[in-house]
Amino acid sequence: MRGKTPEEQGLLELLDPVADAAGFEIVRLRLMGGDHARRLQIMAERPDGTMLVEDCGALARAVSQVLDALDPISGHYLLEVSSPGIDRPLTRLRDFEIWEGCEARIELDRVAEGRKRFRGQLAGVEGDAIAINLEGEAETALLPFAWVVDAKLVLNDELLKRGAEARASRLALEKQTLSEE
């Protein structure tokens, strides 16, 4: 899910170690467009979930060096590095644990429980399955992570509140660190 096509998977294999060495994790990579106007979009974050504008620049420079040297993408392309944002894609099994309690949309590559699309509150992970509480359902649904083709947090008041609280905590920690120096 972090990369959908074989070309994207190959780029992830090439760029994951670069991102890791720079202190980042690639959340999602997409190579979009035709041969003449392609765009390589990389969403990344630090292991603590943060990604500042300066971080985007640092990762873009590190990735560009490797892409320029190895030239794995034919033709011209534009490199775009960003944070996953508040209504982020969920691409790794651990994302479903980290964002437990938040509302998400999940799409599968096959039918489960009579449908392919689900929306509900994330309830963690059980083995290799995503647990999700669906509205109107008494029991928590378990969806195999391997079947997920798309998953994203739903932007709502609760998610915005969680994001604001996380930002306030980071700012307080930065302020404390600066005052100790």
N, C-alpha and C. Protein backbone atom coordinates (compact mmCIF):
# COMPACT_ATOMS: atom_id res chain seq x y z
N MET A 1 0.80 -1.20 0.00
CA MET A 1 0.00 0.00 0.00
C MET A 1 0.84 1.27 0.00
N ARG A 2 2.08 1.16 0.52
CA ARG A 2 2.93 2.35 0.49
C ARG A 2 3.30 2.70 -0.95
N GLY A 3 3.33 1.69 -1.81
CA GLY A 3 3.54 1.86 -3.23
C GLY A 3 2.67 0.84 -3.94
N LYS A 4 1.91 1.26 -4.94
CA LYS A 4 0.94 0.36 -5.57
C LYS A 4 1.50 -0.42 -6.75
N THR A 5 2.31 0.22 -7.58
CA THR A 5 2.78 -0.42 -8.81
C THR A 5 4.16 -1.04 -8.59
N PRO A 6 4.58 -1.95 -9.47
CA PRO A 6 5.93 -2.51 -9.36
C PRO A 6 7.02 -1.43 -9.42
N GLU A 7 6.80 -0.40 -10.24
CA GLU A 7 7.77 0.69 -10.33
C GLU A 7 7.86 1.43 -8.99
N GLU A 8 6.72 1.67 -8.36
CA GLU A 8 6.72 2.34 -7.05
C GLU A 8 7.38 1.45 -5.99
N GLN A 9 7.12 0.15 -6.04
CA GLN A 9 7.75 -0.77 -5.09
C GLN A 9 9.28 -0.75 -5.25
N GLY A 10 9.75 -0.71 -6.49
CA GLY A 10 11.19 -0.63 -6.74
C GLY A 10 11.79 0.65 -6.20
N LEU A 11 11.08 1.76 -6.37
CA LEU A 11 11.55 3.04 -5.84
C LEU A 11 11.58 3.01 -4.31
N LEU A 12 10.59 2.37 -3.69
CA LEU A 12 10.60 2.24 -2.22
C LEU A 12 11.82 1.45 -1.75
N GLU A 13 12.12 0.35 -2.44
CA GLU A 13 13.30 -0.44 -2.07
C GLU A 13 14.56 0.38 -2.17
N LEU A 14 14.62 1.25 -3.16
CA LEU A 14 15.78 2.12 -3.36
C LEU A 14 15.84 3.25 -2.33
N LEU A 15 14.68 3.84 -2.03
CA LEU A 15 14.66 5.07 -1.22
C LEU A 15 14.42 4.86 0.27
N ASP A 16 13.86 3.72 0.67
CA ASP A 16 13.66 3.46 2.11
C ASP A 16 14.96 3.60 2.90
N PRO A 17 16.08 2.99 2.45
CA PRO A 17 17.33 3.14 3.21
C PRO A 17 17.83 4.59 3.25
N VAL A 18 17.59 5.34 2.19
CA VAL A 18 17.99 6.75 2.14
C VAL A 18 17.20 7.54 3.18
N ALA A 19 15.88 7.33 3.20
CA ALA A 19 15.02 8.01 4.17
C ALA A 19 15.40 7.62 5.59
N ASP A 20 15.63 6.33 5.80
CA ASP A 20 15.99 5.83 7.13
C ASP A 20 17.30 6.47 7.61
N ALA A 21 18.29 6.55 6.74
CA ALA A 21 19.57 7.15 7.11
C ALA A 21 19.42 8.63 7.45
N ALA A 22 18.45 9.29 6.83
CA ALA A 22 18.21 10.71 7.10
C ALA A 22 17.29 10.92 8.30
N GLY A 23 16.79 9.81 8.90
CA GLY A 23 15.94 9.92 10.09
C GLY A 23 14.45 9.98 9.80
N PHE A 24 14.03 9.50 8.63
CA PHE A 24 12.62 9.55 8.24
C PHE A 24 12.10 8.18 7.84
N GLU A 25 10.78 8.05 7.78
CA GLU A 25 10.12 6.85 7.27
C GLU A 25 9.19 7.28 6.14
N ILE A 26 9.25 6.56 5.03
CA ILE A 26 8.35 6.86 3.92
C ILE A 26 7.00 6.22 4.24
N VAL A 27 5.97 7.06 4.30
CA VAL A 27 4.61 6.60 4.58
C VAL A 27 3.96 6.12 3.28
N ARG A 28 4.15 6.89 2.21
CA ARG A 28 3.56 6.54 0.92
C ARG A 28 4.39 7.15 -0.20
N LEU A 29 4.49 6.43 -1.30
CA LEU A 29 5.18 6.91 -2.49
C LEU A 29 4.27 6.67 -3.68
N ARG A 30 4.10 7.71 -4.53
CA ARG A 30 3.30 7.58 -5.74
C ARG A 30 4.06 8.24 -6.90
N LEU A 31 4.09 7.56 -8.04
CA LEU A 31 4.64 8.11 -9.27
C LEU A 31 3.46 8.30 -10.20
N MET A 32 3.11 9.55 -10.47
CA MET A 32 1.88 9.86 -11.20
C MET A 32 2.19 10.55 -12.52
N GLY A 33 1.25 10.48 -13.43
CA GLY A 33 1.35 11.18 -14.71
C GLY A 33 1.93 10.31 -15.80
N GLY A 34 1.94 10.89 -17.02
CA GLY A 34 2.46 10.19 -18.19
C GLY A 34 3.96 10.38 -18.34
N ASP A 35 4.48 9.98 -19.49
CA ASP A 35 5.93 10.01 -19.72
C ASP A 35 6.52 11.41 -19.69
N HIS A 36 5.75 12.44 -20.05
CA HIS A 36 6.32 13.78 -20.18
C HIS A 36 6.12 14.66 -18.95
N ALA A 37 5.12 14.39 -18.15
CA ALA A 37 4.83 15.25 -17.00
C ALA A 37 4.57 14.37 -15.78
N ARG A 38 5.62 13.72 -15.30
CA ARG A 38 5.46 12.83 -14.16
C ARG A 38 5.76 13.57 -12.86
N ARG A 39 5.17 13.05 -11.79
CA ARG A 39 5.40 13.62 -10.46
C ARG A 39 5.65 12.47 -9.49
N LEU A 40 6.76 12.54 -8.78
CA LEU A 40 7.08 11.57 -7.73
C LEU A 40 6.71 12.21 -6.41
N GLN A 41 5.66 11.68 -5.79
CA GLN A 41 5.16 12.22 -4.52
C GLN A 41 5.59 11.29 -3.39
N ILE A 42 6.30 11.83 -2.43
CA ILE A 42 6.73 11.07 -1.26
C ILE A 42 6.14 11.72 -0.02
N MET A 43 5.38 10.95 0.74
CA MET A 43 4.89 11.39 2.05
C MET A 43 5.76 10.68 3.08
N ALA A 44 6.30 11.46 4.01
CA ALA A 44 7.21 10.87 5.00
C ALA A 44 7.03 11.55 6.35
N GLU A 45 7.63 10.93 7.36
CA GLU A 45 7.59 11.50 8.71
C GLU A 45 8.75 10.95 9.51
N ARG A 46 9.04 11.60 10.60
CA ARG A 46 10.03 11.09 11.55
C ARG A 46 9.37 9.94 12.33
N PRO A 47 10.15 9.09 12.98
CA PRO A 47 9.55 8.00 13.76
C PRO A 47 8.54 8.46 14.81
N ASP A 48 8.68 9.71 15.28
CA ASP A 48 7.73 10.22 16.28
C ASP A 48 6.47 10.80 15.64
N GLY A 49 6.37 10.74 14.30
CA GLY A 49 5.18 11.21 13.61
C GLY A 49 5.25 12.66 13.15
N THR A 50 6.32 13.37 13.45
CA THR A 50 6.44 14.77 13.04
C THR A 50 7.08 14.88 11.67
N MET A 51 6.87 16.01 11.01
CA MET A 51 7.52 16.31 9.73
C MET A 51 7.39 17.80 9.50
N LEU A 52 8.49 18.51 9.70
CA LEU A 52 8.51 19.95 9.53
C LEU A 52 8.87 20.31 8.09
N VAL A 53 8.66 21.54 7.71
CA VAL A 53 9.00 22.00 6.37
C VAL A 53 10.49 21.77 6.11
N GLU A 54 11.32 22.05 7.11
CA GLU A 54 12.77 21.85 6.96
C GLU A 54 13.08 20.37 6.73
N ASP A 55 12.31 19.49 7.36
CA ASP A 55 12.49 18.05 7.18
C ASP A 55 12.18 17.64 5.74
N CYS A 56 11.14 18.23 5.17
CA CYS A 56 10.78 17.93 3.78
C CYS A 56 11.94 18.29 2.85
N GLY A 57 12.53 19.44 3.09
CA GLY A 57 13.67 19.88 2.28
C GLY A 57 14.86 18.95 2.44
N ALA A 58 15.15 18.55 3.68
CA ALA A 58 16.29 17.66 3.93
C ALA A 58 16.10 16.31 3.24
N LEU A 59 14.89 15.76 3.34
CA LEU A 59 14.63 14.48 2.70
C LEU A 59 14.66 14.62 1.18
N ALA A 60 14.11 15.69 0.65
CA ALA A 60 14.13 15.92 -0.80
C ALA A 60 15.57 15.97 -1.32
N ARG A 61 16.48 16.64 -0.60
CA ARG A 61 17.88 16.71 -1.01
C ARG A 61 18.53 15.32 -0.98
N ALA A 62 18.27 14.56 0.08
CA ALA A 62 18.86 13.22 0.20
C ALA A 62 18.36 12.30 -0.91
N VAL A 63 17.06 12.33 -1.17
CA VAL A 63 16.46 11.49 -2.20
C VAL A 63 16.95 11.91 -3.59
N SER A 64 17.04 13.22 -3.83
CA SER A 64 17.48 13.73 -5.13
C SER A 64 18.88 13.25 -5.49
N GLN A 65 19.76 13.20 -4.51
CA GLN A 65 21.13 12.73 -4.77
C GLN A 65 21.12 11.31 -5.32
N VAL A 66 20.33 10.45 -4.73
CA VAL A 66 20.26 9.06 -5.16
C VAL A 66 19.56 8.95 -6.52
N LEU A 67 18.46 9.66 -6.68
CA LEU A 67 17.74 9.62 -7.95
C LEU A 67 18.59 10.18 -9.09
N ASP A 68 19.33 11.25 -8.83
CA ASP A 68 20.20 11.83 -9.87
C ASP A 68 21.32 10.86 -10.24
N ALA A 69 21.88 10.18 -9.25
CA ALA A 69 23.00 9.27 -9.50
C ALA A 69 22.56 7.99 -10.22
N LEU A 70 21.43 7.43 -9.82
CA LEU A 70 21.00 6.14 -10.37
C LEU A 70 19.99 6.25 -11.51
N ASP A 71 19.30 7.38 -11.62
CA ASP A 71 18.35 7.67 -12.69
C ASP A 71 17.33 6.54 -12.92
N PRO A 72 16.59 6.14 -11.85
CA PRO A 72 15.65 5.03 -11.99
C PRO A 72 14.31 5.39 -12.66
N ILE A 73 14.08 6.68 -12.87
CA ILE A 73 12.81 7.13 -13.47
C ILE A 73 13.11 7.70 -14.85
N SER A 74 12.50 7.11 -15.87
CA SER A 74 12.75 7.60 -17.23
C SER A 74 12.01 8.93 -17.45
N GLY A 75 12.65 9.80 -18.20
CA GLY A 75 12.04 11.08 -18.53
C GLY A 75 12.12 12.09 -17.40
N HIS A 76 11.46 13.19 -17.62
CA HIS A 76 11.44 14.28 -16.63
C HIS A 76 10.36 14.01 -15.59
N TYR A 77 10.62 14.44 -14.38
CA TYR A 77 9.64 14.30 -13.30
C TYR A 77 9.88 15.40 -12.28
N LEU A 78 8.87 15.66 -11.48
CA LEU A 78 8.93 16.63 -10.41
C LEU A 78 8.90 15.85 -9.10
N LEU A 79 9.83 16.13 -8.21
CA LEU A 79 9.87 15.49 -6.89
C LEU A 79 9.10 16.36 -5.91
N GLU A 80 8.17 15.73 -5.18
CA GLU A 80 7.35 16.44 -4.20
C GLU A 80 7.44 15.66 -2.88
N VAL A 81 7.96 16.28 -1.84
CA VAL A 81 8.08 15.64 -0.53
C VAL A 81 7.20 16.40 0.45
N SER A 82 6.35 15.67 1.20
CA SER A 82 5.44 16.32 2.14
C SER A 82 5.21 15.44 3.36
N SER A 83 4.54 16.01 4.34
CA SER A 83 4.09 15.23 5.48
C SER A 83 2.80 14.52 5.08
N PRO A 84 2.40 13.48 5.80
CA PRO A 84 1.14 12.81 5.47
C PRO A 84 -0.10 13.67 5.75
N GLY A 85 0.03 14.70 6.57
CA GLY A 85 -1.11 15.55 6.87
C GLY A 85 -2.00 14.95 7.95
N ILE A 86 -2.96 15.72 8.38
CA ILE A 86 -3.84 15.30 9.48
C ILE A 86 -4.78 14.18 9.06
N ASP A 87 -5.32 14.25 7.85
CA ASP A 87 -6.22 13.18 7.38
C ASP A 87 -5.42 12.20 6.52
N ARG A 88 -4.40 11.70 7.09
CA ARG A 88 -3.35 10.91 6.47
C ARG A 88 -3.79 9.56 5.94
N PRO A 89 -3.03 9.05 4.97
CA PRO A 89 -3.26 7.67 4.56
C PRO A 89 -2.71 6.73 5.63
N LEU A 90 -3.32 5.60 5.77
CA LEU A 90 -2.85 4.55 6.69
C LEU A 90 -2.26 3.44 5.82
N THR A 91 -0.96 3.31 5.83
CA THR A 91 -0.30 2.41 4.88
C THR A 91 0.47 1.27 5.53
N ARG A 92 0.69 1.38 6.83
CA ARG A 92 1.44 0.35 7.55
C ARG A 92 0.54 -0.22 8.63
N LEU A 93 0.71 -1.49 8.94
CA LEU A 93 -0.15 -2.13 9.95
C LEU A 93 -0.10 -1.35 11.26
N ARG A 94 1.07 -0.88 11.65
CA ARG A 94 1.18 -0.15 12.92
C ARG A 94 0.42 1.18 12.92
N ASP A 95 0.14 1.74 11.72
CA ASP A 95 -0.67 2.97 11.65
C ASP A 95 -2.05 2.75 12.27
N PHE A 96 -2.58 1.55 12.11
CA PHE A 96 -3.92 1.25 12.62
C PHE A 96 -3.91 1.13 14.15
N GLU A 97 -2.74 0.84 14.73
CA GLU A 97 -2.60 0.84 16.20
C GLU A 97 -2.41 2.27 16.70
N ILE A 98 -1.52 3.00 16.03
CA ILE A 98 -1.21 4.37 16.44
C ILE A 98 -2.46 5.24 16.45
N TRP A 99 -3.33 5.05 15.45
CA TRP A 99 -4.50 5.90 15.29
C TRP A 99 -5.77 5.24 15.81
N GLU A 100 -5.60 4.26 16.70
CA GLU A 100 -6.76 3.61 17.33
C GLU A 100 -7.66 4.67 17.98
N GLY A 101 -8.95 4.52 17.80
CA GLY A 101 -9.92 5.47 18.35
C GLY A 101 -10.36 6.51 17.35
N CYS A 102 -9.63 6.64 16.24
CA CYS A 102 -9.98 7.61 15.21
C CYS A 102 -10.86 6.96 14.14
N GLU A 103 -11.62 7.79 13.47
CA GLU A 103 -12.48 7.31 12.40
C GLU A 103 -11.67 7.16 11.12
N ALA A 104 -11.91 6.08 10.38
CA ALA A 104 -11.17 5.83 9.14
C ALA A 104 -12.08 5.24 8.08
N ARG A 105 -11.65 5.42 6.83
CA ARG A 105 -12.27 4.77 5.67
C ARG A 105 -11.28 3.73 5.17
N ILE A 106 -11.77 2.54 4.91
CA ILE A 106 -10.92 1.45 4.43
C ILE A 106 -11.57 0.81 3.21
N GLU A 107 -10.76 0.59 2.19
CA GLU A 107 -11.23 -0.10 0.99
C GLU A 107 -10.40 -1.36 0.79
N LEU A 108 -11.08 -2.46 0.51
CA LEU A 108 -10.42 -3.75 0.31
C LEU A 108 -10.38 -4.11 -1.17
N ASP A 109 -9.51 -5.05 -1.52
CA ASP A 109 -9.43 -5.52 -2.90
C ASP A 109 -10.41 -6.65 -3.19
N ARG A 110 -11.17 -7.05 -2.17
CA ARG A 110 -12.19 -8.10 -2.33
C ARG A 110 -13.30 -7.89 -1.30
N VAL A 111 -14.36 -8.63 -1.46
CA VAL A 111 -15.52 -8.48 -0.59
C VAL A 111 -15.28 -9.20 0.74
N ALA A 112 -15.60 -8.52 1.82
CA ALA A 112 -15.56 -9.09 3.17
C ALA A 112 -16.81 -8.60 3.88
N GLU A 113 -17.47 -9.48 4.55
CA GLU A 113 -18.70 -9.14 5.25
C GLU A 113 -19.71 -8.45 4.33
N GLY A 114 -19.71 -8.87 3.05
CA GLY A 114 -20.68 -8.38 2.10
C GLY A 114 -20.36 -7.06 1.42
N ARG A 115 -19.16 -6.52 1.63
CA ARG A 115 -18.81 -5.24 1.00
C ARG A 115 -17.30 -5.07 0.89
N LYS A 116 -16.89 -4.03 0.15
CA LYS A 116 -15.47 -3.72 -0.03
C LYS A 116 -15.05 -2.46 0.72
N ARG A 117 -16.00 -1.59 1.05
CA ARG A 117 -15.69 -0.31 1.70
C ARG A 117 -16.26 -0.28 3.12
N PHE A 118 -15.44 0.23 4.02
CA PHE A 118 -15.82 0.28 5.43
C PHE A 118 -15.48 1.65 5.98
N ARG A 119 -16.29 2.10 6.93
CA ARG A 119 -16.03 3.36 7.64
C ARG A 119 -16.42 3.12 9.08
N GLY A 120 -15.49 3.46 9.98
CA GLY A 120 -15.77 3.28 11.39
C GLY A 120 -14.59 3.70 12.23
N GLN A 121 -14.68 3.39 13.52
CA GLN A 121 -13.65 3.77 14.47
C GLN A 121 -12.62 2.64 14.58
N LEU A 122 -11.35 3.00 14.38
CA LEU A 122 -10.29 2.02 14.46
C LEU A 122 -10.21 1.47 15.89
N ALA A 123 -10.07 0.15 15.98
CA ALA A 123 -10.03 -0.52 17.28
C ALA A 123 -8.74 -1.32 17.45
N GLY A 124 -7.68 -0.90 16.74
CA GLY A 124 -6.39 -1.55 16.89
C GLY A 124 -6.14 -2.63 15.86
N VAL A 125 -5.26 -3.57 16.26
CA VAL A 125 -4.81 -4.63 15.37
C VAL A 125 -4.84 -5.94 16.14
N GLU A 126 -5.25 -7.00 15.46
CA GLU A 126 -5.19 -8.35 16.03
C GLU A 126 -4.45 -9.23 15.04
N GLY A 127 -3.19 -9.54 15.36
CA GLY A 127 -2.36 -10.30 14.43
C GLY A 127 -2.11 -9.48 13.18
N ASP A 128 -2.51 -10.02 12.02
CA ASP A 128 -2.37 -9.32 10.75
C ASP A 128 -3.70 -8.73 10.27
N ALA A 129 -4.62 -8.51 11.20
CA ALA A 129 -5.94 -7.97 10.85
C ALA A 129 -6.17 -6.63 11.53
N ILE A 130 -6.90 -5.78 10.84
CA ILE A 130 -7.30 -4.47 11.37
C ILE A 130 -8.64 -4.64 12.06
N ALA A 131 -8.74 -4.11 13.26
CA ALA A 131 -10.01 -4.13 13.98
C ALA A 131 -10.68 -2.77 13.80
N ILE A 132 -11.96 -2.82 13.44
CA ILE A 132 -12.70 -1.58 13.22
C ILE A 132 -14.12 -1.75 13.73
N ASN A 133 -14.57 -0.74 14.49
CA ASN A 133 -15.95 -0.72 14.99
C ASN A 133 -16.81 0.01 13.98
N LEU A 134 -17.74 -0.71 13.39
CA LEU A 134 -18.62 -0.14 12.37
C LEU A 134 -19.92 0.32 13.01
N GLU A 135 -20.42 1.45 12.56
CA GLU A 135 -21.66 1.99 13.10
C GLU A 135 -22.81 1.01 12.88
N GLY A 136 -23.57 0.77 13.95
CA GLY A 136 -24.71 -0.12 13.87
C GLY A 136 -24.37 -1.60 14.01
N GLU A 137 -23.10 -1.92 14.15
CA GLU A 137 -22.67 -3.32 14.30
C GLU A 137 -22.32 -3.58 15.76
N ALA A 138 -22.75 -4.71 16.28
CA ALA A 138 -22.49 -5.05 17.68
C ALA A 138 -21.06 -5.52 17.89
N GLU A 139 -20.50 -6.22 16.91
CA GLU A 139 -19.15 -6.78 17.08
C GLU A 139 -18.14 -6.04 16.23
N THR A 140 -16.91 -6.01 16.69
CA THR A 140 -15.81 -5.40 15.96
C THR A 140 -15.48 -6.27 14.75
N ALA A 141 -15.35 -5.62 13.59
CA ALA A 141 -14.99 -6.33 12.36
C ALA A 141 -13.47 -6.46 12.29
N LEU A 142 -13.00 -7.60 11.80
CA LEU A 142 -11.58 -7.82 11.56
C LEU A 142 -11.36 -7.92 10.06
N LEU A 143 -10.50 -7.05 9.53
CA LEU A 143 -10.21 -7.01 8.10
C LEU A 143 -8.74 -7.36 7.88
N PRO A 144 -8.44 -8.34 7.05
CA PRO A 144 -7.04 -8.69 6.80
C PRO A 144 -6.28 -7.50 6.19
N PHE A 145 -5.17 -7.13 6.80
CA PHE A 145 -4.38 -6.01 6.30
C PHE A 145 -3.94 -6.25 4.86
N ALA A 146 -3.64 -7.48 4.50
CA ALA A 146 -3.18 -7.80 3.15
C ALA A 146 -4.24 -7.48 2.09
N TRP A 147 -5.50 -7.37 2.47
CA TRP A 147 -6.58 -7.09 1.52
C TRP A 147 -6.81 -5.59 1.32
N VAL A 148 -6.18 -4.75 2.14
CA VAL A 148 -6.42 -3.30 2.10
C VAL A 148 -5.72 -2.69 0.89
N VAL A 149 -6.49 -1.94 0.09
CA VAL A 149 -5.90 -1.22 -1.04
C VAL A 149 -5.85 0.28 -0.77
N ASP A 150 -6.69 0.75 0.14
CA ASP A 150 -6.68 2.17 0.48
C ASP A 150 -7.27 2.34 1.88
N ALA A 151 -6.64 3.18 2.67
CA ALA A 151 -7.15 3.49 4.01
C ALA A 151 -6.70 4.90 4.37
N LYS A 152 -7.61 5.63 4.99
CA LYS A 152 -7.33 7.03 5.31
C LYS A 152 -8.13 7.44 6.53
N LEU A 153 -7.53 8.30 7.34
CA LEU A 153 -8.26 8.87 8.47
C LEU A 153 -9.31 9.84 7.94
N VAL A 154 -10.42 9.93 8.64
CA VAL A 154 -11.50 10.85 8.30
C VAL A 154 -11.29 12.14 9.08
N LEU A 155 -11.27 13.25 8.36
CA LEU A 155 -11.10 14.55 8.99
C LEU A 155 -12.38 14.92 9.71
N ASN A 156 -12.29 15.01 11.04
CA ASN A 156 -13.45 15.39 11.85
C ASN A 156 -12.95 16.15 13.08
N ASP A 157 -13.85 16.60 13.92
CA ASP A 157 -13.47 17.40 15.09
C ASP A 157 -12.54 16.64 16.03
N GLU A 158 -12.79 15.36 16.22
CA GLU A 158 -11.96 14.55 17.13
C GLU A 158 -10.52 14.46 16.61
N LEU A 159 -10.35 14.26 15.31
CA LEU A 159 -9.01 14.18 14.72
C LEU A 159 -8.31 15.54 14.82
N LEU A 160 -9.04 16.60 14.55
CA LEU A 160 -8.45 17.94 14.67
C LEU A 160 -8.01 18.22 16.10
N LYS A 161 -8.81 17.80 17.08
CA LYS A 161 -8.47 17.98 18.49
C LYS A 161 -7.21 17.20 18.83
N ARG A 162 -7.13 15.96 18.37
CA ARG A 162 -5.95 15.13 18.64
C ARG A 162 -4.70 15.76 18.01
N GLY A 163 -4.84 16.29 16.80
CA GLY A 163 -3.71 16.94 16.14
C GLY A 163 -3.26 18.19 16.88
N ALA A 164 -4.21 18.98 17.36
CA ALA A 164 -3.87 20.20 18.11
C ALA A 164 -3.18 19.85 19.43
N GLU A 165 -3.65 18.81 20.10
CA GLU A 165 -3.01 18.39 21.35
C GLU A 165 -1.59 17.90 21.12
N ALA A 166 -1.38 17.15 20.04
CA ALA A 166 -0.04 16.66 19.72
C ALA A 166 0.90 17.83 19.41
N ARG A 167 0.40 18.80 18.65
CA ARG A 167 1.21 19.98 18.32
C ARG A 167 1.55 20.77 19.57
N ALA A 168 0.60 20.96 20.47
CA ALA A 168 0.85 21.69 21.71
C ALA A 168 1.91 20.97 22.55
N SER A 169 1.85 19.66 22.60
CA SER A 169 2.85 18.88 23.35
C SER A 169 4.24 19.05 22.76
N ARG A 170 4.33 19.01 21.41
CA ARG A 170 5.63 19.18 20.74
C ARG A 170 6.19 20.57 21.00
N LEU A 171 5.33 21.60 20.93
CA LEU A 171 5.79 22.97 21.16
C LEU A 171 6.26 23.15 22.60
N ALA A 172 5.56 22.56 23.55
CA ALA A 172 5.97 22.66 24.96
C ALA A 172 7.31 21.97 25.17
N LEU A 173 7.52 20.84 24.55
CA LEU A 173 8.78 20.10 24.67
C LEU A 173 9.92 20.91 24.05
N GLU A 174 9.67 21.51 22.86
CA GLU A 174 10.68 22.34 22.22
C GLU A 174 11.04 23.53 23.10
N LYS A 175 10.04 24.16 23.68
CA LYS A 175 10.27 25.33 24.55
C LYS A 175 11.10 24.92 25.77
N GLN A 176 10.78 23.77 26.36
CA GLN A 176 11.51 23.28 27.52
C GLN A 176 12.97 22.97 27.14
N THR A 177 13.17 22.37 25.99
CA THR A 177 14.51 22.02 25.53
C THR A 177 15.35 23.28 25.31
N LEU A 178 14.74 24.30 24.71
CA LEU A 178 15.44 25.56 24.45
C LEU A 178 15.81 26.27 25.75
N SER A 179 14.94 26.22 26.75
CA SER A 179 15.20 26.90 28.02
C SER A 179 16.29 26.18 28.82
N GLU A 180 16.48 24.90 28.57
CA GLU A 180 17.51 24.12 29.28
C GLU A 180 18.90 24.32 28.67
N GLU A 181 18.95 24.84 27.44
CA GLU A 181 20.24 25.01 26.76
C GLU A 181 20.97 26.22 27.18
